[in-house]
Amino acid sequence: MAYSKSFQAKMSEECFDFTCTTCEENYNKIVEAVRYCIECSGYCCQSCTDAHKAFPALRNHNLLDASQGSQAGNQQSTLPEFPTERCSLHKGKILDVYCQVHDDVVCSTCIATNHKSCPENSIHSVPDMIGTLYRLDDTKRINRQLRKLMTSMKSMSKSKDEKLEALKGAKHEAIEKVELYEKALKSMIGRAAEDSKSEIVTTYQELENDILQDKHNVDTVDDELQQLEGKLKRSEGNRAQRFVCSKQADKKLKEAERLKVNQDKRSNEDVPLSFTPNQSVMTYVKGLHGIGQVKGLHGIGQVKVNRKKVDMYRIKGYRDIDIRMTGDNETCHSPGCCLTKDNKLIVTDYSNKKLKRINLDTMSVEDYCKLDDKPCAICCTDVKEVAVTYYRPGRIQFVSIQHKMSPTRQIKLPHTCYGITSKNDKLYVTDGGSSLYVYNMTGTLLNTITSDNSGTSLFSRSRHITFNENGDKMFVGDWDKGLICFDGAGIYLSTSSDNDLKNVAGVCVDGYGNVFVVGYYSHNVVQYNEDGKKIGVIVQQQDELYWPVLVCFHQELNRLFVTMGRSNVVKMYELE
């Protein structure tokens, strides 16, 4: 007699007390179950039980004897109640212990490590004490609170979406205002320029008329002199006529001589027409950081305002960034650092011949590359590349910072190399001594700066270099002489020194008209303005700063990063 498949399945099922849930649901197979999995809420055959033991994700599941499980249609068994939630700290461990002191459910490892001081009678096994610990009213209360808070969260999320839309609108409106203001400023500048052009044209016409009149006078006198010369020739033999002609010629000669003297004076004058720009306008515009004030809400109730120049920074807080890595054989020594466009800090490690990239979100080293010599200073040449100096023999090593850092090309130089910075496709390099060199990006020497106009040597032991935001001022730190200022073309301006600074090493700018100068043996950072005037000491030894070498300033975060000699940390100071 033939039987249907479903009937055969039922007959087979009746032969087993418990059947495998997975095999039946997924493969339509009736297989005898030998275990019950609490986490999977189903029965397992021997193959599925072996799979639980084989896979790491299933290995820690609680497998009971099949007789302890239950399945609809079969004999009902009493199933012990076990929690299935796992510990977030100790992966794989079940949260099956309740600490009454902390009112928290934990795993057995948590009890052994974090709850040693809790009284023994306050520690309860959840499966053993569930009848005492569990209260239905508590669950109902928590469910009500969950629903209430979920409703609040949804409302808050919706509110944030609305704020985002409002923010987008506010951004477009603010940009439109800037563009309108820009247009108005351009219009005013255009009108002022037209006024200057009109004045130039008017002045030109006046001067042109004067010159034409002078030319006419000169030509007239020249004609009269030629006529007198002819009369004198024709009066030969007639003394009376010659006397009259001579007197007329003498008078005209005196008149012509006066005209000549007057014209000679005018000829020696400068170009009769010129234009001198109003430098106060240019200076004012250069000092602008934006053409208005931007305000925005950050977090809850905090307002951030774009600032211009500040008087003196103060430390709001600080922390250490550990830069020592596994494999470093020596204590780190970082004479150079720079900030990249993607908000990463790259430091040189002279002792371990490495370049290390620091993630400013995690405040930890995320990448490094090994170099063939000890690196000194570093600067960004563009968003994809940095340049590093080797002191002796003098070389510039270029390093790609795309993805994983890796050394690329190298330039060999005939002198030692210490500080380095890049501006307008030029490299500015100090030799640690008496010179500052300017090269193009292929290593061709463009200029050497050693002395001022009087021939006085500018440097003693030159160190790090930086430019201001506009690129019209350059600052060099000198170990013995202090802060040395130049204009953008490398023309010497001034030297600043102070009793608070001992042995200047590093310099950097904040982008708002301030210069940070590092004193190595004074263990401090001193703030100057761009004219070389001291504003004050902002970081000192009592702020846990020892033998600082170089500084970098993060404009957006308002943070000052300071590298130190023979130290495994970089100091990060939050300023206000």
Protein backbone atom coordinates (compact mmCIF):
# COMPACT_ATOMS: atom_id res chain seq x y z
CA MET A 1 0.00 0.00 0.00
CA ALA A 2 1.32 3.49 -0.89
CA TYR A 3 1.27 6.34 1.67
CA SER A 4 1.52 10.08 1.12
CA LYS A 5 4.69 11.91 2.17
CA SER A 6 2.88 13.84 4.90
CA PHE A 7 1.48 10.61 6.31
CA GLN A 8 4.92 9.04 6.20
CA ALA A 9 6.32 12.07 8.03
CA LYS A 10 3.69 11.77 10.76
CA MET A 11 4.39 8.05 11.14
CA SER A 12 8.13 8.75 11.46
CA GLU A 13 7.49 11.59 13.90
CA GLU A 14 5.51 9.27 16.12
CA CYS A 15 8.58 7.07 16.47
CA PHE A 16 10.56 9.86 18.19
CA ASP A 17 9.84 11.66 21.42
CA PHE A 18 11.49 14.85 20.09
CA THR A 19 12.42 15.89 16.56
CA CYS A 20 15.05 18.37 15.33
CA THR A 21 13.48 21.81 14.82
CA THR A 22 16.08 23.02 12.28
CA CYS A 23 15.94 19.95 10.07
CA GLU A 24 12.14 19.92 10.03
CA GLU A 25 11.69 23.65 9.31
CA ASN A 26 14.52 24.09 6.81
CA TYR A 27 14.90 20.67 5.15
CA ASN A 28 11.49 19.06 5.73
CA LYS A 29 13.26 16.13 7.40
CA ILE A 30 12.16 14.33 10.54
CA VAL A 31 15.25 13.58 12.63
CA GLU A 32 15.42 12.55 16.25
CA ALA A 33 16.49 15.35 18.62
CA VAL A 34 19.09 14.71 21.32
CA ARG A 35 19.49 18.24 22.73
CA TYR A 36 17.43 21.41 23.34
CA CYS A 37 19.14 24.84 22.72
CA ILE A 38 17.89 27.61 24.98
CA GLU A 39 19.24 30.44 22.80
CA CYS A 40 17.84 28.95 19.56
CA SER A 41 14.59 27.96 21.31
CA GLY A 42 14.54 24.63 19.50
CA TYR A 43 15.55 20.99 19.49
CA CYS A 44 18.75 19.77 17.85
CA CYS A 45 19.66 16.45 16.28
CA GLN A 46 23.19 15.07 16.66
CA SER A 47 24.39 16.86 13.48
CA CYS A 48 22.99 20.22 14.63
CA THR A 49 24.48 19.62 18.10
CA ASP A 50 27.89 19.03 16.48
CA ALA A 51 27.42 22.24 14.48
CA HIS A 52 26.87 24.14 17.75
CA LYS A 53 30.18 22.84 19.01
CA ALA A 54 31.99 23.63 15.75
CA PHE A 55 30.98 27.26 15.22
CA PRO A 56 32.44 29.89 17.65
CA ALA A 57 29.20 31.93 17.54
CA LEU A 58 27.20 28.88 18.73
CA ARG A 59 29.77 27.24 20.94
CA ASN A 60 28.60 28.91 24.17
CA HIS A 61 24.89 28.17 23.68
CA ASN A 62 23.24 26.28 26.52
CA LEU A 63 22.43 22.77 25.28
CA LEU A 64 20.07 20.75 27.52
CA ASP A 65 18.96 17.17 27.28
CA ALA A 66 16.08 16.87 24.83
CA SER A 67 13.80 15.65 27.60
CA GLN A 68 14.08 19.08 29.24
CA GLY A 69 12.71 20.86 26.21
CA SER A 70 9.17 21.11 24.93
CA GLN A 71 7.49 21.13 21.52
CA ALA A 72 3.87 21.64 20.50
CA GLY A 73 2.11 18.39 19.97
CA ASN A 74 4.60 16.37 22.04
CA GLN A 75 4.69 15.56 25.71
CA GLN A 76 5.09 18.85 27.65
CA SER A 77 8.16 19.07 29.91
CA THR A 78 9.04 21.64 32.49
CA LEU A 79 11.88 23.72 31.04
CA PRO A 80 14.31 25.38 33.46
CA GLU A 81 14.48 29.14 32.90
CA PHE A 82 17.94 30.34 31.85
CA PRO A 83 18.91 33.87 30.69
CA THR A 84 20.33 34.10 27.16
CA GLU A 85 21.73 37.65 27.18
CA ARG A 86 25.53 37.78 26.98
CA CYS A 87 27.99 40.07 28.78
CA SER A 88 29.30 43.02 26.72
CA LEU A 89 32.62 42.96 28.60
CA HIS A 90 33.30 39.24 28.64
CA LYS A 91 32.14 37.89 25.30
CA GLY A 92 30.40 34.55 25.46
CA LYS A 93 29.54 34.77 29.15
CA ILE A 94 25.85 34.64 30.13
CA LEU A 95 24.40 37.36 32.35
CA ASP A 96 23.19 34.88 34.96
CA VAL A 97 24.21 36.57 38.26
CA TYR A 98 22.38 39.36 40.07
CA CYS A 99 24.23 41.77 42.41
CA GLN A 100 21.80 43.25 44.88
CA VAL A 101 24.27 45.96 46.00
CA HIS A 102 24.66 47.39 42.49
CA ASP A 103 21.19 46.31 41.35
CA ASP A 104 22.72 44.91 38.18
CA VAL A 105 22.89 41.61 36.29
CA VAL A 106 26.41 40.47 35.43
CA CYS A 107 28.34 37.39 34.42
CA SER A 108 30.46 35.16 36.63
CA THR A 109 33.67 36.85 35.46
CA CYS A 110 32.30 40.28 36.39
CA ILE A 111 31.54 38.95 39.88
CA ALA A 112 35.11 37.65 40.24
CA THR A 113 36.75 40.89 39.01
CA ASN A 114 34.46 43.82 39.81
CA HIS A 115 32.27 42.69 42.71
CA LYS A 116 34.81 41.29 45.17
CA SER A 117 33.75 43.74 47.87
CA CYS A 118 30.03 42.95 47.57
CA PRO A 119 28.64 40.78 50.45
CA GLU A 120 28.15 37.15 49.53
CA ASN A 121 24.46 37.22 50.52
CA SER A 122 23.87 39.99 47.96
CA ILE A 123 25.02 37.82 45.02
CA HIS A 124 22.28 35.59 43.55
CA SER A 125 22.10 33.08 40.71
CA VAL A 126 19.36 34.25 38.36
CA PRO A 127 18.15 30.73 37.33
CA ASP A 128 18.11 29.53 40.95
CA MET A 129 16.42 32.61 42.43
CA ILE A 130 14.17 33.65 39.53
CA GLY A 131 11.05 32.82 41.52
CA THR A 132 12.09 35.33 44.19
CA LEU A 133 13.76 37.95 41.96
CA TYR A 134 11.17 38.24 39.18
CA ARG A 135 8.07 40.36 39.76
CA LEU A 136 5.48 40.86 37.04
CA ASP A 137 4.70 44.40 38.25
CA ASP A 138 8.32 45.42 37.75
CA THR A 139 8.23 44.16 34.18
CA LYS A 140 5.01 46.03 33.48
CA ARG A 141 6.43 49.21 35.01
CA ILE A 142 9.62 48.94 32.94
CA ASN A 143 7.60 48.28 29.79
CA ARG A 144 5.57 51.43 30.45
CA GLN A 145 8.75 53.44 30.98
CA LEU A 146 10.30 51.97 27.85
CA ARG A 147 7.27 52.90 25.76
CA LYS A 148 7.21 56.39 27.27
CA LEU A 149 10.90 56.97 26.64
CA MET A 150 10.71 55.48 23.13
CA THR A 151 7.91 57.93 22.38
CA SER A 152 10.09 60.74 23.73
CA MET A 153 13.08 59.56 21.66
CA LYS A 154 10.97 59.44 18.51
CA SER A 155 9.73 62.94 19.26
CA MET A 156 13.28 64.14 19.85
CA SER A 157 14.48 62.46 16.66
CA LYS A 158 11.70 64.16 14.71
CA SER A 159 12.64 67.47 16.34
CA LYS A 160 16.27 66.96 15.29
CA ASP A 161 15.15 66.27 11.71
CA GLU A 162 13.19 69.51 11.77
CA LYS A 163 16.21 71.35 13.15
CA LEU A 164 18.39 69.88 10.41
CA GLU A 165 15.99 71.19 7.78
CA ALA A 166 15.89 74.56 9.52
CA LEU A 167 19.70 74.53 9.71
CA LYS A 168 19.97 73.88 5.97
CA GLY A 169 17.65 76.80 5.32
CA ALA A 170 19.61 79.02 7.72
CA LYS A 171 22.86 78.03 6.00
CA HIS A 172 21.53 78.96 2.55
CA GLU A 173 20.13 82.22 3.93
CA ALA A 174 23.44 83.07 5.63
CA ILE A 175 25.41 82.31 2.45
CA GLU A 176 23.01 84.50 0.45
CA LYS A 177 23.61 87.33 2.94
CA VAL A 178 27.36 86.89 2.59
CA GLU A 179 27.09 86.94 -1.19
CA LEU A 180 24.89 90.05 -1.11
CA TYR A 181 27.32 91.74 1.28
CA GLU A 182 30.22 90.65 -0.92
CA LYS A 183 28.45 92.10 -3.93
CA ALA A 184 27.85 95.37 -2.05
CA LEU A 185 31.51 95.53 -0.98
CA LYS A 186 32.64 94.82 -4.54
CA SER A 187 30.27 97.53 -5.74
CA MET A 188 31.68 100.03 -3.25
CA ILE A 189 35.25 99.05 -4.11
CA GLY A 190 34.32 99.28 -7.79
CA ARG A 191 32.92 102.80 -7.28
CA ALA A 192 36.02 103.82 -5.33
CA ALA A 193 38.17 102.37 -8.12
CA GLU A 194 36.16 104.29 -10.73
CA ASP A 195 36.65 107.49 -8.69
CA SER A 196 40.41 106.86 -8.72
CA LYS A 197 40.32 106.18 -12.46
CA SER A 198 38.35 109.40 -13.06
CA GLU A 199 40.86 111.32 -10.95
CA ILE A 200 43.70 109.79 -12.97
CA VAL A 201 42.02 110.80 -16.25
CA THR A 202 41.36 114.36 -14.99
CA THR A 203 44.92 114.71 -13.73
CA TYR A 204 46.22 113.32 -17.00
CA GLN A 205 44.25 115.86 -19.01
CA GLU A 206 45.50 118.73 -16.84
CA LEU A 207 49.10 117.55 -17.13
CA GLU A 208 48.68 116.96 -20.86
CA ASN A 209 47.44 120.54 -21.31
CA ASP A 210 50.38 121.84 -19.26
CA ILE A 211 52.87 119.87 -21.35
CA LEU A 212 51.24 120.93 -24.61
CA GLN A 213 51.33 124.55 -23.46
CA ASP A 214 55.02 124.19 -22.53
CA LYS A 215 55.75 122.65 -25.90
CA HIS A 216 53.90 125.52 -27.62
CA ASN A 217 55.93 128.08 -25.65
CA VAL A 218 59.20 126.32 -26.48
CA ASP A 219 58.31 126.10 -30.17
CA THR A 220 57.30 129.79 -30.21
CA VAL A 221 60.58 130.91 -28.60
CA ASP A 222 62.51 128.66 -31.00
CA ASP A 223 60.80 130.36 -33.97
CA GLU A 224 61.54 133.80 -32.55
CA LEU A 225 65.20 132.91 -32.00
CA GLN A 226 65.49 131.70 -35.59
CA GLN A 227 63.98 135.01 -36.83
CA LEU A 228 66.42 137.06 -34.74
CA GLU A 229 69.31 135.00 -36.07
CA GLY A 230 68.21 135.87 -39.63
CA LYS A 231 67.86 139.56 -38.82
CA LEU A 232 71.35 139.68 -37.37
CA LYS A 233 72.75 138.17 -40.56
CA ARG A 234 70.85 140.60 -42.75
CA SER A 235 71.90 143.65 -40.69
CA GLU A 236 75.55 143.14 -41.48
CA GLY A 237 77.02 146.51 -42.62
CA ASN A 238 74.25 148.51 -40.90
CA ARG A 239 75.49 149.14 -37.38
CA ALA A 240 72.32 150.89 -36.25
CA GLN A 241 70.15 147.99 -37.39
CA ARG A 242 72.59 145.46 -35.92
CA PHE A 243 72.49 147.29 -32.57
CA VAL A 244 68.67 147.12 -32.50
CA CYS A 245 68.67 143.45 -33.51
CA SER A 246 71.31 142.63 -30.91
CA LYS A 247 69.31 144.25 -28.14
CA GLN A 248 66.16 142.38 -29.24
CA ALA A 249 68.11 139.10 -29.42
CA ASP A 250 69.69 139.69 -26.00
CA LYS A 251 66.26 140.25 -24.48
CA LYS A 252 64.87 137.17 -26.18
CA LEU A 253 67.90 135.11 -25.06
CA LYS A 254 67.26 135.99 -21.44
CA GLU A 255 63.61 135.03 -21.87
CA ALA A 256 64.60 131.76 -23.55
CA GLU A 257 67.16 131.01 -20.83
CA ARG A 258 64.50 131.40 -18.15
CA LEU A 259 62.23 129.08 -20.12
CA LYS A 260 65.04 126.54 -20.49
CA VAL A 261 65.85 126.58 -16.76
CA ASN A 262 62.18 126.11 -15.95
CA GLN A 263 61.84 123.24 -18.43
CA ASP A 264 65.04 121.59 -17.13
CA LYS A 265 63.57 121.54 -13.65
CA ARG A 266 60.43 119.84 -14.92
CA SER A 267 62.49 117.31 -16.88
CA ASN A 268 64.27 116.24 -13.68
CA GLU A 269 61.00 115.60 -11.89
CA ASP A 270 59.67 112.01 -11.43
CA VAL A 271 57.00 110.54 -13.67
CA PRO A 272 54.37 113.30 -13.73
CA LEU A 273 51.52 110.85 -13.10
CA SER A 274 51.41 107.93 -10.65
CA PHE A 275 49.04 106.05 -8.34
CA THR A 276 49.82 104.95 -4.76
CA PRO A 277 47.37 102.40 -3.29
CA ASN A 278 45.81 103.15 0.08
CA GLN A 279 47.78 100.65 2.18
CA SER A 280 45.50 101.09 5.18
CA VAL A 281 42.68 99.51 3.15
CA MET A 282 44.88 96.54 2.21
CA THR A 283 46.11 96.14 5.79
CA TYR A 284 42.57 96.19 7.12
CA VAL A 285 41.34 93.63 4.59
CA LYS A 286 44.30 91.35 5.31
CA GLY A 287 43.41 91.43 8.98
CA LEU A 288 39.86 90.27 8.30
CA HIS A 289 38.91 86.67 9.01
CA GLY A 290 35.52 86.71 7.38
CA ILE A 291 33.33 89.69 6.60
CA GLY A 292 30.99 89.24 9.52
CA GLN A 293 30.21 87.22 12.59
CA VAL A 294 28.96 83.64 12.44
CA LYS A 295 27.04 82.17 15.37
CA GLY A 296 25.86 78.60 15.75
CA LEU A 297 24.42 76.43 18.51
CA HIS A 298 26.61 73.48 19.45
CA GLY A 299 25.30 70.82 21.80
CA ILE A 300 22.77 72.21 24.27
CA GLY A 301 22.95 75.94 24.82
CA GLN A 302 26.61 76.34 23.84
CA VAL A 303 27.37 79.13 21.41
CA LYS A 304 30.45 79.20 19.24
CA VAL A 305 31.47 82.50 17.67
CA ASN A 306 34.07 82.98 14.98
CA ARG A 307 36.74 85.13 16.54
CA LYS A 308 39.34 87.41 15.10
CA LYS A 309 42.61 88.08 16.89
CA VAL A 310 42.78 87.25 20.57
CA ASP A 311 44.73 88.96 23.32
CA MET A 312 46.18 86.02 25.20
CA TYR A 313 45.30 82.34 25.20
CA ARG A 314 44.74 80.42 28.42
CA ILE A 315 44.82 76.69 29.08
CA LYS A 316 41.40 75.12 29.48
CA GLY A 317 42.70 71.58 29.90
CA TYR A 318 45.38 69.19 28.69
CA ARG A 319 46.18 65.52 28.16
CA ASP A 320 48.96 63.22 26.95
CA ILE A 321 48.96 61.42 23.61
CA ASP A 322 50.99 58.22 23.81
CA ILE A 323 53.13 57.83 20.68
CA ARG A 324 55.25 54.86 21.74
CA MET A 325 54.59 51.76 19.65
CA THR A 326 55.34 48.09 19.87
CA GLY A 327 58.72 47.66 18.23
CA ASP A 328 60.14 51.01 19.36
CA ASN A 329 63.58 50.21 20.77
CA GLU A 330 64.31 53.71 22.08
CA THR A 331 62.47 56.42 24.00
CA CYS A 332 60.68 58.57 21.42
CA HIS A 333 62.16 61.93 20.45
CA SER A 334 59.94 64.11 18.22
CA PRO A 335 61.61 67.25 16.84
CA GLY A 336 58.89 67.74 14.20
CA CYS A 337 55.13 67.63 13.70
CA CYS A 338 52.49 68.93 11.31
CA LEU A 339 48.71 68.88 10.92
CA THR A 340 47.20 67.50 7.71
CA LYS A 341 44.08 68.67 5.91
CA ASP A 342 42.14 65.60 7.09
CA ASN A 343 42.77 66.49 10.76
CA LYS A 344 45.60 64.09 11.48
CA LEU A 345 48.78 64.91 13.40
CA ILE A 346 52.00 63.51 11.95
CA VAL A 347 55.09 63.46 14.19
CA THR A 348 58.69 62.52 13.50
CA ASP A 349 60.37 60.01 15.81
CA TYR A 350 64.08 60.75 15.55
CA SER A 351 65.15 57.97 17.94
CA ASN A 352 63.24 55.14 16.21
CA LYS A 353 63.56 56.40 12.59
CA LYS A 354 59.80 56.55 12.12
CA LEU A 355 57.01 58.80 10.98
CA LYS A 356 53.82 58.37 13.05
CA ARG A 357 50.30 59.47 12.18
CA ILE A 358 47.93 60.24 15.08
CA ASN A 359 44.14 60.03 14.87
CA LEU A 360 42.86 63.08 16.77
CA ASP A 361 39.52 61.40 17.46
CA THR A 362 41.06 58.46 19.30
CA MET A 363 44.22 60.34 20.35
CA SER A 364 46.36 57.36 19.33
CA VAL A 365 48.84 56.32 16.64
CA GLU A 366 46.92 54.83 13.70
CA ASP A 367 49.71 54.45 11.15
CA TYR A 368 53.48 54.71 10.81
CA CYS A 369 56.24 54.25 8.26
CA LYS A 370 59.86 53.27 8.73
CA LEU A 371 62.51 55.66 7.36
CA ASP A 372 66.13 54.99 6.39
CA ASP A 373 67.47 57.79 8.62
CA LYS A 374 66.56 59.87 11.66
CA PRO A 375 63.89 62.46 10.73
CA CYS A 376 63.98 66.01 12.08
CA ALA A 377 61.34 68.45 10.86
CA ILE A 378 58.26 67.86 8.71
CA CYS A 379 55.81 69.95 6.68
CA CYS A 380 52.87 69.33 4.34
CA THR A 381 53.57 70.03 0.68
CA ASP A 382 50.00 69.23 -0.38
CA VAL A 383 47.08 67.08 0.79
CA LYS A 384 48.80 63.90 -0.39
CA GLU A 385 52.41 64.43 0.64
CA VAL A 386 54.73 65.60 3.40
CA ALA A 387 58.43 66.52 3.31
CA VAL A 388 60.83 65.40 6.06
CA THR A 389 64.40 66.59 6.74
CA TYR A 390 67.43 64.42 7.55
CA TYR A 391 70.07 66.45 9.37
CA ARG A 392 73.36 64.90 8.22
CA PRO A 393 73.89 64.17 5.39
CA GLY A 394 71.35 66.81 4.45
CA ARG A 395 68.38 65.37 2.59
CA ILE A 396 64.68 66.00 2.07
CA GLN A 397 62.55 62.84 2.11
CA PHE A 398 59.08 63.03 0.57
CA VAL A 399 56.43 60.71 2.01
CA SER A 400 53.03 59.86 0.54
CA ILE A 401 50.28 60.13 3.18
CA GLN A 402 47.51 58.63 1.06
CA HIS A 403 46.12 55.56 2.77
CA LYS A 404 49.21 53.96 4.35
CA MET A 405 52.23 56.27 4.61
CA SER A 406 55.20 55.36 2.42
CA PRO A 407 58.49 57.12 1.45
CA THR A 408 58.78 58.24 -2.18
CA ARG A 409 61.45 60.47 -3.74
CA GLN A 410 64.41 62.17 -2.07
CA ILE A 411 66.46 65.34 -2.61
CA LYS A 412 70.12 65.42 -1.56
CA LEU A 413 71.43 68.82 -0.43
CA PRO A 414 75.03 70.06 0.09
CA HIS A 415 74.35 71.24 3.67
CA THR A 416 72.78 69.99 6.88
CA CYS A 417 68.98 70.22 7.12
CA TYR A 418 66.88 71.02 10.19
CA GLY A 419 63.66 73.05 9.89
CA ILE A 420 61.41 72.97 6.82
CA THR A 421 58.22 74.57 5.55
CA SER A 422 56.51 74.84 2.18
CA LYS A 423 54.87 77.85 0.52
CA ASN A 424 53.83 78.50 -3.08
CA ASP A 425 55.70 75.44 -4.44
CA LYS A 426 58.90 76.44 -2.63
CA LEU A 427 60.74 74.71 0.20
CA TYR A 428 62.32 76.80 2.97
CA VAL A 429 65.04 74.89 4.83
CA THR A 430 67.28 75.88 7.78
CA ASP A 431 70.65 74.21 8.27
CA GLY A 432 70.61 74.40 12.06
CA GLY A 433 73.33 77.01 11.77
CA SER A 434 73.72 80.38 10.05
CA SER A 435 71.63 79.98 6.89
CA LEU A 436 68.13 79.68 5.49
CA TYR A 437 67.80 78.18 2.00
CA VAL A 438 64.97 78.46 -0.52
CA TYR A 439 64.52 75.65 -3.07
CA ASN A 440 61.97 74.74 -5.68
CA MET A 441 60.24 71.37 -5.40
CA THR A 442 62.92 69.60 -7.48
CA GLY A 443 65.82 70.83 -5.33
CA THR A 444 67.08 73.80 -7.36
CA LEU A 445 68.48 76.52 -5.06
CA LEU A 446 66.60 79.80 -5.49
CA ASN A 447 67.92 81.91 -2.62
CA THR A 448 70.13 81.84 0.46
CA ILE A 449 69.42 84.11 3.44
CA THR A 450 72.23 84.67 5.90
CA SER A 451 72.43 88.40 6.77
CA ASP A 452 70.49 91.67 6.81
CA ASN A 453 71.13 94.69 4.55
CA SER A 454 74.05 95.85 6.69
CA GLY A 455 75.78 92.49 6.39
CA THR A 456 75.06 91.44 9.99
CA SER A 457 74.55 87.70 10.39
CA LEU A 458 70.89 86.91 11.11
CA PHE A 459 71.21 83.39 12.50
CA SER A 460 73.29 81.61 15.09
CA ARG A 461 71.58 78.22 15.29
CA SER A 462 68.50 78.33 13.08
CA ARG A 463 65.64 75.98 13.90
CA HIS A 464 62.01 75.71 12.75
CA ILE A 465 60.19 77.93 10.23
CA THR A 466 56.58 78.93 9.58
CA PHE A 467 54.53 81.42 7.55
CA ASN A 468 51.49 83.37 8.69
CA GLU A 469 48.05 82.73 7.21
CA ASN A 470 48.42 85.32 4.43
CA GLY A 471 51.94 84.25 3.50
CA ASP A 472 53.26 87.80 3.80
CA LYS A 473 55.33 87.11 6.93
CA MET A 474 57.81 84.35 7.76
CA PHE A 475 59.05 83.44 11.23
CA VAL A 476 62.21 81.53 12.10
CA GLY A 477 63.16 80.28 15.55
CA ASP A 478 66.84 80.66 16.44
CA TRP A 479 68.30 78.74 19.38
CA ASP A 480 70.34 81.72 20.60
CA LYS A 481 68.74 84.84 19.09
CA GLY A 482 65.00 84.19 19.53
CA LEU A 483 62.17 84.88 17.07
CA ILE A 484 63.34 86.30 13.73
CA CYS A 485 60.72 87.91 11.47
CA PHE A 486 60.83 88.36 7.68
CA ASP A 487 58.36 89.56 5.09
CA GLY A 488 56.96 87.14 2.55
CA ALA A 489 59.85 87.78 0.16
CA GLY A 490 62.45 86.91 2.80
CA ILE A 491 63.41 90.51 3.67
CA TYR A 492 64.50 90.79 7.29
CA LEU A 493 62.17 92.77 9.58
CA SER A 494 63.04 92.20 13.24
CA THR A 495 64.39 89.93 15.97
CA SER A 496 62.55 89.39 19.26
CA SER A 497 64.01 87.87 22.40
CA ASP A 498 62.82 87.73 26.00
CA ASN A 499 64.01 86.65 29.42
CA ASP A 500 61.10 84.18 29.55
CA LEU A 501 62.50 82.33 26.52
CA LYS A 502 65.61 80.20 26.79
CA ASN A 503 66.80 78.55 23.58
CA VAL A 504 64.06 78.91 20.99
CA ALA A 505 63.30 75.70 19.10
CA GLY A 506 59.86 75.70 17.47
CA VAL A 507 57.42 78.27 16.08
CA CYS A 508 53.90 78.12 14.66
CA VAL A 509 51.00 80.50 14.00
CA ASP A 510 47.34 80.35 14.98
CA GLY A 511 45.93 81.92 11.80
CA TYR A 512 44.60 84.94 13.74
CA GLY A 513 47.73 87.08 13.96
CA ASN A 514 49.54 85.26 16.79
CA VAL A 515 52.80 83.33 16.88
CA PHE A 516 53.61 80.55 19.37
CA VAL A 517 57.31 80.28 20.27
CA VAL A 518 58.82 77.32 22.15
CA GLY A 519 61.54 77.73 24.77
CA TYR A 520 63.42 74.43 25.13
CA TYR A 521 65.29 75.11 28.38
CA SER A 522 62.65 77.49 29.75
CA HIS A 523 60.10 74.67 29.34
CA ASN A 524 57.39 76.99 28.00
CA VAL A 525 55.41 78.33 25.05
CA VAL A 526 55.27 82.12 24.66
CA GLN A 527 52.69 83.97 22.56
CA TYR A 528 53.77 86.86 20.29
CA ASN A 529 51.89 88.92 17.75
CA GLU A 530 53.02 89.03 14.11
CA ASP A 531 54.99 92.22 14.74
CA GLY A 532 57.22 90.36 17.20
CA LYS A 533 55.68 91.86 20.33
CA LYS A 534 55.39 89.52 23.30
CA ILE A 535 51.84 88.93 24.59
CA GLY A 536 52.54 86.44 27.37
CA VAL A 537 53.52 82.94 28.51
CA ILE A 538 50.63 80.53 27.89
CA VAL A 539 52.18 77.12 28.72
CA GLN A 540 54.91 76.55 31.30
CA GLN A 541 56.68 73.83 33.26
CA GLN A 542 53.96 73.67 35.91
CA ASP A 543 51.65 72.53 33.08
CA GLU A 544 53.76 69.37 32.82
CA LEU A 545 55.78 70.66 29.87
CA TYR A 546 59.41 69.55 29.75
CA TRP A 547 61.97 70.25 27.00
CA PRO A 548 59.42 71.21 24.30
CA VAL A 549 60.65 71.17 20.72
CA LEU A 550 57.81 72.12 18.36
CA VAL A 551 54.18 73.26 18.37
CA CYS A 552 51.21 72.85 16.02
CA PHE A 553 47.92 74.72 16.44
CA HIS A 554 44.55 73.29 15.38
CA GLN A 555 42.31 76.27 14.49
CA GLU A 556 38.97 74.45 14.53
CA LEU A 557 39.56 72.59 17.79
CA ASN A 558 41.52 75.41 19.47
CA ARG A 559 44.17 72.91 20.50
CA LEU A 560 47.93 73.28 20.81
CA PHE A 561 50.03 70.15 20.23
CA VAL A 562 53.57 70.24 21.67
CA THR A 563 56.28 67.64 20.99
CA MET A 564 58.98 67.09 23.59
CA GLY A 565 62.56 65.85 23.57
CA ARG A 566 63.11 62.31 24.80
CA SER A 567 59.46 61.68 25.61
CA ASN A 568 56.94 59.02 24.65
CA VAL A 569 54.05 61.49 24.70
CA VAL A 570 52.87 64.55 22.79
CA LYS A 571 51.14 67.17 24.91
CA MET A 572 47.72 68.39 23.80
CA TYR A 573 46.58 71.70 25.38
CA GLU A 574 43.01 72.91 24.88
CA LEU A 575 43.07 76.72 24.78
CA GLU A 576 40.48 79.41 25.28
